[in-house]
């Protein structure tokens, strides 16, 4: 995905429609508001959003729909959240005081130590928890994995996503290749802007995890200004299990639109991300099995061969034996982090052997990049790299960086 396309995404004009009207959670509908044709929420629920179809270069598919209806959709989210607040559902981040229940406790404690007293020793403890092997199998060079989320953490995110996607508000596809999933952002038209979900992404996952970890693991690639903005989205790969065409399910956990075989995402062609660093978190519950769908990586992008995200060459197959390349198999709550310039893709998914989960893989992906979508390619010289305090607390001119909610 090119920088031009990413800038268009961030300016609310690039990503196409994802699906038709979502299912509506009857517990979140105010009868009086629903009865009013002038209600933004009612008007949004009556929109006929075009279906996502293409799987390559689809960033501008149906862009005019989101341009035309973006303000209405944002008003609908605001109205829906006001109604949700009346039901007692928390609209603020509920994980800040209970991080150990959300993030793996060992990792959570190591992160707190590093934030509280940044040092090479504290950082080494954090780094030791990001492995370069998984289940005794080596992970490709430049890719690191950890057990990030607890089972309750996975359930918490899934519950938020289920609640949001059952609001009945149309959402756009996550990117130009995947068709199934949503964008999580308070400003992008067509994204899910649920406050508790946005705060979780920004505070818990970006602020505590991906930004400092990316700086720590890729010290020669990430500088003070290279990871200040983000793009977050979910994806779903579907192996076509028995429940794949069942209607009346939430859009995220299952199929809300009765999608047919041609609209399921079952693999992802090789590509680079429009990011300096990418965090990819598996959101499958422990009982949700699937087969296949390993993420494969090509050779680690050395500084001599670093390329812009907009210079993808055609190569859609994967073969074993690539130098420094290989595959990664996700497990529930596991996260991987890698450079956005590292070419990768997803092998085909199939139904699980046990039949549980219908052969689906759910993931949350976070891209970090500089202001206005800038992605730095050139590595930093040793003397220009951030020190340990800057990696955990920010540089002088970026301390206190936060996101506008």
Foldseek 3Di string as FASTA:
>chain_A
DALVLVLCQVVQQWFAFQAFFFAADVVQDDVVLCVDPPRLLVVQLPDGGDHDADQPPRRRPHRVVLVVCQVSLLSNLVVSVVSVVVVVDDLAAPCPVPVVQFWPVQLVVLLVVCLVPPDPVSLVSNVVQFDQADPNHGAFPQKTKHLTTDLVNLVVLVVVLLNQQNNRGTATAQHNRASAKFWDDSPHGRGRPRRNNNNCCFVVVCQRHDQLVVCSSQQQFDAQQWFQDKTKMKGKAAQQFPCQQPEPGGSALHPPHSDDPSNGHFKWFKAFALAQKKKKWWSDRQQADWDFFWKKWAHAQDLVRFDGRVDDDDDGDDDPDHVSIDTHDDHHSMMMMGGRSTIMMTTGIHAGPVSHNNGMIMMMMMGGGGPSSHHDGHTHDPVRTDDRNCSNQNDPVCGPRGDDD
